[in-house]
Amino acid sequence: MNLWLLFAIIGAFTLLERLSFILFLQNWEMPTWLKRALTYVPVVILSALSAPAILLENGEMVSSLLSPKVLAGVAGILAAYLTRNMVVTILAGMITLWLTNAFL
C-alpha cells in the first residue's frame, strides 16, 4: 500500500511541477538574447556527444591525428561545412572511416 501512495505522491508532484510552468509563465516573453543563445544548443549537444567518440580510444586521447576516427570526423566536418547536407555529411564520414580502417 505504501508503494502505491509513493507513486501517487510522485505523480502529483510531477504534474504540479509541469503545470506550474504553464500557469506562471504563460504571458512571459523570452528575451531575444536568450532566444539567440538557445539556437546553439543542438550544435553544442552534438559536439559533446561526438567529440569523446572521435577523440578517445580506450579512455585515453588518441595518440595520432592520423587516427581513422579523427580523419573521418574531419571529413564529416568539411562535408557539413561545404554542403550543409546531413546525408552527405554522414556518408563522407562513414566512407572515410571505412577507407582509413581498410588502408591504415
Protein backbone atom coordinates (compact mmCIF):
# COMPACT_ATOMS: atom_id res chain seq x y z
CA MET A 1 0.00 0.00 0.00
CA ASN A 2 2.80 2.43 0.83
CA LEU A 3 4.39 1.90 -2.59
CA TRP A 4 1.19 2.98 -4.38
CA LEU A 5 0.97 6.02 -2.14
CA LEU A 6 4.55 6.90 -3.04
CA PHE A 7 3.72 6.56 -6.76
CA ALA A 8 0.68 8.83 -6.33
CA ILE A 9 2.69 11.47 -4.47
CA ILE A 10 5.49 11.43 -7.05
CA GLY A 11 2.92 11.62 -9.87
CA ALA A 12 1.13 14.54 -8.25
CA PHE A 13 4.41 16.37 -7.68
CA THR A 14 5.44 15.83 -11.31
CA LEU A 15 2.05 17.09 -12.54
CA LEU A 16 2.20 20.20 -10.33
CA GLU A 17 5.78 20.91 -11.36
CA ARG A 18 4.93 20.81 -15.06
CA LEU A 19 1.67 22.68 -14.58
CA SER A 20 3.48 25.49 -12.75
CA PHE A 21 5.35 26.48 -15.91
CA ILE A 22 2.08 26.75 -17.81
CA LEU A 23 0.33 28.71 -15.08
CA PHE A 24 3.07 31.11 -14.05
CA LEU A 25 4.91 31.68 -17.33
CA GLN A 26 2.08 31.76 -19.86
CA ASN A 27 2.46 35.50 -20.55
CA TRP A 28 6.25 35.65 -20.19
CA GLU A 29 8.16 36.73 -23.29
CA MET A 30 11.60 35.21 -23.67
CA PRO A 31 14.36 37.83 -24.10
CA THR A 32 15.91 37.98 -27.56
CA TRP A 33 19.42 37.29 -26.22
CA LEU A 34 18.15 34.04 -24.69
CA LYS A 35 16.41 33.02 -27.93
CA ARG A 36 19.65 33.63 -29.82
CA ALA A 37 21.66 31.64 -27.28
CA LEU A 38 19.25 28.70 -27.45
CA THR A 39 19.80 28.33 -31.20
CA TYR A 40 23.29 27.00 -30.44
CA VAL A 41 22.11 24.25 -28.08
CA PRO A 42 21.76 21.48 -30.73
CA VAL A 43 25.28 22.11 -32.05
CA VAL A 44 26.75 22.05 -28.55
CA ILE A 45 24.94 18.84 -27.63
CA LEU A 46 26.02 17.10 -30.84
CA SER A 47 29.62 18.20 -30.26
CA ALA A 48 29.54 16.99 -26.66
CA LEU A 49 28.26 13.59 -27.77
CA SER A 50 30.52 13.08 -30.77
CA ALA A 51 33.84 14.53 -29.57
CA PRO A 52 34.56 11.80 -26.99
CA ALA A 53 33.64 9.10 -29.51
CA ILE A 54 36.11 10.56 -32.01
CA LEU A 55 38.94 11.66 -29.73
CA LEU A 56 39.06 8.87 -27.14
CA GLU A 57 40.35 5.32 -27.56
CA ASN A 58 40.19 3.02 -24.52
CA GLY A 59 39.57 6.01 -22.26
CA GLU A 60 42.65 7.93 -23.43
CA MET A 61 43.20 10.64 -26.03
CA VAL A 62 44.13 9.41 -29.50
CA SER A 63 47.87 9.31 -29.98
CA SER A 64 47.87 10.45 -33.61
CA LEU A 65 45.85 12.85 -35.68
CA LEU A 66 46.00 10.25 -38.44
CA SER A 67 43.63 8.02 -36.49
CA PRO A 68 40.78 6.72 -38.68
CA LYS A 69 38.14 8.24 -36.40
CA VAL A 70 39.84 11.65 -36.38
CA LEU A 71 40.18 11.66 -40.16
CA ALA A 72 36.53 10.63 -40.54
CA GLY A 73 35.49 13.40 -38.15
CA VAL A 74 37.45 15.97 -40.16
CA ALA A 75 35.87 14.69 -43.39
CA GLY A 76 32.43 14.96 -41.82
CA ILE A 77 33.07 18.50 -40.61
CA LEU A 78 34.31 19.55 -44.05
CA ALA A 79 31.33 17.94 -45.77
CA ALA A 80 28.92 19.63 -43.37
CA TYR A 81 30.56 23.00 -43.89
CA LEU A 82 30.64 22.72 -47.68
CA THR A 83 27.26 21.11 -48.39
CA ARG A 84 25.07 21.80 -45.33
CA ASN A 85 23.50 18.41 -46.07
CA MET A 86 23.16 15.84 -43.31
CA VAL A 87 23.14 12.79 -45.61
CA VAL A 88 26.30 13.92 -47.42
CA THR A 89 27.96 14.62 -44.07
CA ILE A 90 27.17 11.14 -42.74
CA LEU A 91 28.26 9.48 -45.98
CA ALA A 92 31.53 11.43 -46.10
CA GLY A 93 32.38 10.50 -42.52
CA MET A 94 31.44 6.84 -42.86
CA ILE A 95 33.17 6.32 -46.21
CA THR A 96 36.31 7.98 -44.87
CA LEU A 97 36.17 5.81 -41.74
CA TRP A 98 35.79 2.62 -43.79
CA LEU A 99 38.58 3.53 -46.19
CA THR A 100 41.02 4.60 -43.49
CA ASN A 101 40.29 1.45 -41.48
CA ALA A 102 40.93 -0.63 -44.59
CA PHE A 103 44.16 1.06 -45.64
CA LEU A 104 45.79 2.38 -42.45
